[in-house]
Amino acid sequence: MIWDAQADIAIHVSRFDLIAGEKAYHFKTSPQGEQYFTDTLSGIFGGIRYYLSNPKK
């Protein structure tokens, strides 16, 4: 079983976008397999996007 999820928000200010969010990824291998793994990885992220010209509104 595998699933992933992402939530983010972006705020536009002048020629910049400020972006923040969280990403999660979960995996679980078969219990009948020789090696059995289950884990959930998650973390936050942020960023700044700069536009060379003002985007059209």
PDB file of N, CA and C in Angstrom:
ATOM      1  N   MET A   1       0.852  -1.181   0.000  1.00  0.00           N
ATOM      2  CA  MET A   1       0.000   0.000   0.000  1.00  0.00           C
ATOM      3  C   MET A   1       0.897   1.244   0.000  1.00  0.00           C
ATOM      4  N   ILE A   2       0.564   2.183  -0.831  1.00  0.00           N
ATOM      5  CA  ILE A   2       1.313   3.438  -0.913  1.00  0.00           C
ATOM      6  C   ILE A   2       0.312   4.577  -1.023  1.00  0.00           C
ATOM      7  N   TRP A   3       0.562   5.655  -0.292  1.00  0.00           N
ATOM      8  CA  TRP A   3      -0.221   6.870  -0.476  1.00  0.00           C
ATOM      9  C   TRP A   3       0.684   8.067  -0.229  1.00  0.00           C
ATOM     10  N   ASP A   4       0.323   9.184  -0.821  1.00  0.00           N
ATOM     11  CA  ASP A   4       1.005  10.446  -0.536  1.00  0.00           C
ATOM     12  C   ASP A   4      -0.018  11.571  -0.512  1.00  0.00           C
ATOM     13  N   ALA A   5       0.341  12.618   0.211  1.00  0.00           N
ATOM     14  CA  ALA A   5      -0.556  13.770   0.351  1.00  0.00           C
ATOM     15  C   ALA A   5       0.287  15.040   0.426  1.00  0.00           C
ATOM     16  N   GLN A   6      -0.304  16.113  -0.045  1.00  0.00           N
ATOM     17  CA  GLN A   6       0.386  17.401  -0.006  1.00  0.00           C
ATOM     18  C   GLN A   6      -0.642  18.502   0.193  1.00  0.00           C
ATOM     19  N   ALA A   7      -0.293  19.448   1.042  1.00  0.00           N
ATOM     20  CA  ALA A   7      -1.111  20.642   1.243  1.00  0.00           C
ATOM     21  C   ALA A   7      -0.171  21.841   1.195  1.00  0.00           C
ATOM     22  N   ASP A   8      -0.561  22.855   0.454  1.00  0.00           N
ATOM     23  CA  ASP A   8       0.288  24.044   0.394  1.00  0.00           C
ATOM     24  C   ASP A   8      -0.553  25.297   0.219  1.00  0.00           C
ATOM     25  N   ILE A   9       0.102  26.411   0.479  1.00  0.00           N
ATOM     26  CA  ILE A   9      -0.535  27.717   0.348  1.00  0.00           C
ATOM     27  C   ILE A   9       0.483  28.646  -0.309  1.00  0.00           C
ATOM     28  N   ALA A  10      -0.012  29.530  -1.166  1.00  0.00           N
ATOM     29  CA  ALA A  10       0.843  30.502  -1.840  1.00  0.00           C
ATOM     30  C   ALA A  10       0.209  31.880  -1.712  1.00  0.00           C
ATOM     31  N   ILE A  11       1.023  32.844  -1.375  1.00  0.00           N
ATOM     32  CA  ILE A  11       0.571  34.234  -1.245  1.00  0.00           C
ATOM     33  C   ILE A  11       1.358  35.067  -2.253  1.00  0.00           C
ATOM     34  N   HIS A  12       0.635  35.794  -3.076  1.00  0.00           N
ATOM     35  CA  HIS A  12       1.269  36.622  -4.105  1.00  0.00           C
ATOM     36  C   HIS A  12       1.444  38.045  -3.573  1.00  0.00           C
ATOM     37  N   VAL A  13       2.699  38.524  -3.590  1.00  0.00           N
ATOM     38  CA  VAL A  13       3.027  39.884  -3.148  1.00  0.00           C
ATOM     39  C   VAL A  13       3.944  40.501  -4.202  1.00  0.00           C
ATOM     40  N   SER A  14       3.443  41.545  -4.886  1.00  0.00           N
ATOM     41  CA  SER A  14       4.193  42.241  -5.925  1.00  0.00           C
ATOM     42  C   SER A  14       4.691  41.239  -6.970  1.00  0.00           C
ATOM     43  N   ARG A  15       6.003  41.066  -7.112  1.00  0.00           N
ATOM     44  CA  ARG A  15       6.568  40.131  -8.074  1.00  0.00           C
ATOM     45  C   ARG A  15       6.974  38.808  -7.436  1.00  0.00           C
ATOM     46  N   PHE A  16       6.550  38.557  -6.208  1.00  0.00           N
ATOM     47  CA  PHE A  16       6.949  37.365  -5.471  1.00  0.00           C
ATOM     48  C   PHE A  16       5.747  36.506  -5.103  1.00  0.00           C
ATOM     49  N   ASP A  17       5.967  35.207  -5.043  1.00  0.00           N
ATOM     50  CA  ASP A  17       5.035  34.265  -4.426  1.00  0.00           C
ATOM     51  C   ASP A  17       5.735  33.674  -3.212  1.00  0.00           C
ATOM     52  N   LEU A  18       5.086  33.699  -2.079  1.00  0.00           N
ATOM     53  CA  LEU A  18       5.590  33.042  -0.882  1.00  0.00           C
ATOM     54  C   LEU A  18       4.821  31.728  -0.747  1.00  0.00           C
ATOM     55  N   ILE A  19       5.540  30.620  -0.665  1.00  0.00           N
ATOM     56  CA  ILE A  19       4.926  29.298  -0.692  1.00  0.00           C
ATOM     57  C   ILE A  19       5.328  28.525   0.558  1.00  0.00           C
ATOM     58  N   ALA A  20       4.353  27.855   1.191  1.00  0.00           N
ATOM     59  CA  ALA A  20       4.615  26.997   2.349  1.00  0.00           C
ATOM     60  C   ALA A  20       3.664  25.820   2.310  1.00  0.00           C
ATOM     61  N   GLY A  21       4.103  24.697   2.863  1.00  0.00           N
ATOM     62  CA  GLY A  21       3.226  23.533   2.870  1.00  0.00           C
ATOM     63  C   GLY A  21       3.833  22.347   3.580  1.00  0.00           C
ATOM     64  N   GLU A  22       3.146  21.215   3.451  1.00  0.00           N
ATOM     65  CA  GLU A  22       3.612  19.966   4.050  1.00  0.00           C
ATOM     66  C   GLU A  22       3.356  18.828   3.076  1.00  0.00           C
ATOM     67  N   LYS A  23       4.262  17.872   3.067  1.00  0.00           N
ATOM     68  CA  LYS A  23       4.170  16.698   2.186  1.00  0.00           C
ATOM     69  C   LYS A  23       4.335  15.452   3.044  1.00  0.00           C
ATOM     70  N   ALA A  24       3.520  14.421   2.778  1.00  0.00           N
ATOM     71  CA  ALA A  24       3.615  13.153   3.497  1.00  0.00           C
ATOM     72  C   ALA A  24       3.583  12.003   2.494  1.00  0.00           C
ATOM     73  N   TYR A  25       4.346  10.963   2.787  1.00  0.00           N
ATOM     74  CA  TYR A  25       4.431   9.783   1.929  1.00  0.00           C
ATOM     75  C   TYR A  25       4.429   8.552   2.828  1.00  0.00           C
ATOM     76  N   HIS A  26       3.562   7.593   2.555  1.00  0.00           N
ATOM     77  CA  HIS A  26       3.454   6.380   3.366  1.00  0.00           C
ATOM     78  C   HIS A  26       3.620   5.159   2.475  1.00  0.00           C
ATOM     79  N   PHE A  27       4.357   4.188   2.965  1.00  0.00           N
ATOM     80  CA  PHE A  27       4.477   2.930   2.229  1.00  0.00           C
ATOM     81  C   PHE A  27       4.459   1.759   3.194  1.00  0.00           C
ATOM     82  N   LYS A  28       3.949   0.643   2.697  1.00  0.00           N
ATOM     83  CA  LYS A  28       3.863  -0.584   3.483  1.00  0.00           C
ATOM     84  C   LYS A  28       4.021  -1.752   2.516  1.00  0.00           C
ATOM     85  N   THR A  29       5.020  -2.586   2.759  1.00  0.00           N
ATOM     86  CA  THR A  29       5.225  -3.741   1.899  1.00  0.00           C
ATOM     87  C   THR A  29       4.361  -4.902   2.380  1.00  0.00           C
ATOM     88  N   SER A  30       4.363  -5.968   1.624  1.00  0.00           N
ATOM     89  CA  SER A  30       3.538  -7.131   1.943  1.00  0.00           C
ATOM     90  C   SER A  30       4.064  -7.857   3.186  1.00  0.00           C
ATOM     91  N   PRO A  31       3.206  -8.162   4.154  1.00  0.00           N
ATOM     92  CA  PRO A  31       3.639  -8.910   5.337  1.00  0.00           C
ATOM     93  C   PRO A  31       4.108 -10.329   4.996  1.00  0.00           C
ATOM     94  N   GLN A  32       3.707 -10.845   3.840  1.00  0.00           N
ATOM     95  CA  GLN A  32       4.137 -12.182   3.440  1.00  0.00           C
ATOM     96  C   GLN A  32       5.523 -12.182   2.794  1.00  0.00           C
ATOM     97  N   GLY A  33       6.068 -11.008   2.511  1.00  0.00           N
ATOM     98  CA  GLY A  33       7.378 -10.907   1.880  1.00  0.00           C
ATOM     99  C   GLY A  33       8.511 -11.247   2.838  1.00  0.00           C
ATOM    100  N   GLU A  34       9.703 -11.486   2.266  1.00  0.00           N
ATOM    101  CA  GLU A  34      10.877 -11.804   3.084  1.00  0.00           C
ATOM    102  C   GLU A  34      11.262 -10.630   3.978  1.00  0.00           C
ATOM    103  N   GLN A  35      11.149  -9.425   3.449  1.00  0.00           N
ATOM    104  CA  GLN A  35      11.411  -8.217   4.226  1.00  0.00           C
ATOM    105  C   GLN A  35      10.121  -7.410   4.294  1.00  0.00           C
ATOM    106  N   TYR A  36       9.770  -6.973   5.486  1.00  0.00           N
ATOM    107  CA  TYR A  36       8.518  -6.240   5.699  1.00  0.00           C
ATOM    108  C   TYR A  36       8.847  -4.852   6.228  1.00  0.00           C
ATOM    109  N   PHE A  37       8.381  -3.826   5.522  1.00  0.00           N
ATOM    110  CA  PHE A  37       8.629  -2.447   5.926  1.00  0.00           C
ATOM    111  C   PHE A  37       7.315  -1.672   5.947  1.00  0.00           C
ATOM    112  N   THR A  38       7.194  -0.790   6.894  1.00  0.00           N
ATOM    113  CA  THR A  38       6.101   0.180   6.910  1.00  0.00           C
ATOM    114  C   THR A  38       6.647   1.472   7.505  1.00  0.00           C
ATOM    115  N   ASP A  39       6.361   2.573   6.861  1.00  0.00           N
ATOM    116  CA  ASP A  39       6.882   3.855   7.336  1.00  0.00           C
ATOM    117  C   ASP A  39       6.081   4.999   6.721  1.00  0.00           C
ATOM    118  N   THR A  40       6.067   6.110   7.418  1.00  0.00           N
ATOM    119  CA  THR A  40       5.470   7.346   6.924  1.00  0.00           C
ATOM    120  C   THR A  40       6.521   8.444   7.032  1.00  0.00           C
ATOM    121  N   LEU A  41       6.811   9.076   5.920  1.00  0.00           N
ATOM    122  CA  LEU A  41       7.765  10.177   5.872  1.00  0.00           C
ATOM    123  C   LEU A  41       6.982  11.464   5.657  1.00  0.00           C
ATOM    124  N   SER A  42       7.274  12.490   6.416  1.00  0.00           N
ATOM    125  CA  SER A  42       6.586  13.764   6.231  1.00  0.00           C
ATOM    126  C   SER A  42       7.528  14.915   6.565  1.00  0.00           C
ATOM    127  N   GLY A  43       7.200  16.063   6.036  1.00  0.00           N
ATOM    128  CA  GLY A  43       8.011  17.244   6.304  1.00  0.00           C
ATOM    129  C   GLY A  43       7.371  18.497   5.739  1.00  0.00           C
ATOM    130  N   ILE A  44       7.852  19.619   6.222  1.00  0.00           N
ATOM    131  CA  ILE A  44       7.355  20.911   5.759  1.00  0.00           C
ATOM    132  C   ILE A  44       8.317  21.484   4.722  1.00  0.00           C
ATOM    133  N   PHE A  45       7.812  22.394   3.907  1.00  0.00           N
ATOM    134  CA  PHE A  45       8.657  23.055   2.922  1.00  0.00           C
ATOM    135  C   PHE A  45       8.217  24.498   2.766  1.00  0.00           C
ATOM    136  N   GLY A  46       9.095  25.296   2.231  1.00  0.00           N
ATOM    137  CA  GLY A  46       8.794  26.697   1.977  1.00  0.00           C
ATOM    138  C   GLY A  46       9.617  27.178   0.797  1.00  0.00           C
ATOM    139  N   GLY A  47       9.180  28.255   0.193  1.00  0.00           N
ATOM    140  CA  GLY A  47       9.916  28.774  -0.942  1.00  0.00           C
ATOM    141  C   GLY A  47       9.443  30.145  -1.359  1.00  0.00           C
ATOM    142  N   ILE A  48      10.249  30.745  -2.203  1.00  0.00           N
ATOM    143  CA  ILE A  48       9.943  32.057  -2.773  1.00  0.00           C
ATOM    144  C   ILE A  48      10.082  31.942  -4.284  1.00  0.00           C
ATOM    145  N   ARG A  49       9.082  32.399  -5.003  1.00  0.00           N
ATOM    146  CA  ARG A  49       9.129  32.414  -6.464  1.00  0.00           C
ATOM    147  C   ARG A  49       9.148  33.875  -6.899  1.00  0.00           C
ATOM    148  N   TYR A  50      10.086  34.222  -7.804  1.00  0.00           N
ATOM    149  CA  TYR A  50      10.218  35.580  -8.307  1.00  0.00           C
ATOM    150  C   TYR A  50       9.825  35.615  -9.779  1.00  0.00           C
ATOM    151  N   TYR A  51       8.985  36.570 -10.146  1.00  0.00           N
ATOM    152  CA  TYR A  51       8.561  36.749 -11.530  1.00  0.00           C
ATOM    153  C   TYR A  51       9.377  37.883 -12.166  1.00  0.00           C
ATOM    154  N   LEU A  52       9.943  37.624 -13.357  1.00  0.00           N
ATOM    155  CA  LEU A  52      10.695  38.661 -14.034  1.00  0.00           C
ATOM    156  C   LEU A  52       9.812  39.802 -14.501  1.00  0.00           C
ATOM    157  N   SER A  53       8.560  39.509 -14.819  1.00  0.00           N
ATOM    158  CA  SER A  53       7.582  40.544 -15.140  1.00  0.00           C
ATOM    159  C   SER A  53       6.329  40.250 -14.332  1.00  0.00           C
ATOM    160  N   ASN A  54       5.531  41.264 -14.072  1.00  0.00           N
ATOM    161  CA  ASN A  54       4.324  41.057 -13.277  1.00  0.00           C
ATOM    162  C   ASN A  54       3.373  40.105 -13.996  1.00  0.00           C
ATOM    163  N   PRO A  55       2.910  39.057 -13.314  1.00  0.00           N
ATOM    164  CA  PRO A  55       1.954  38.148 -13.946  1.00  0.00           C
ATOM    165  C   PRO A  55       0.629  38.853 -14.200  1.00  0.00           C
ATOM    166  N   LYS A  56      -0.052  38.461 -15.254  1.00  0.00           N
ATOM    167  CA  LYS A  56      -1.341  39.083 -15.573  1.00  0.00           C
ATOM    168  C   LYS A  56      -2.362  38.702 -14.521  1.00  0.00           C
ATOM    169  N   LYS A  57      -3.179  39.653 -14.152  1.00  0.00           N
ATOM    170  CA  LYS A  57      -4.207  39.404 -13.143  1.00  0.00           C
ATOM    171  C   LYS A  57      -5.513  39.075 -13.785  1.00  0.00           C
TER     172      LYS A  57
END
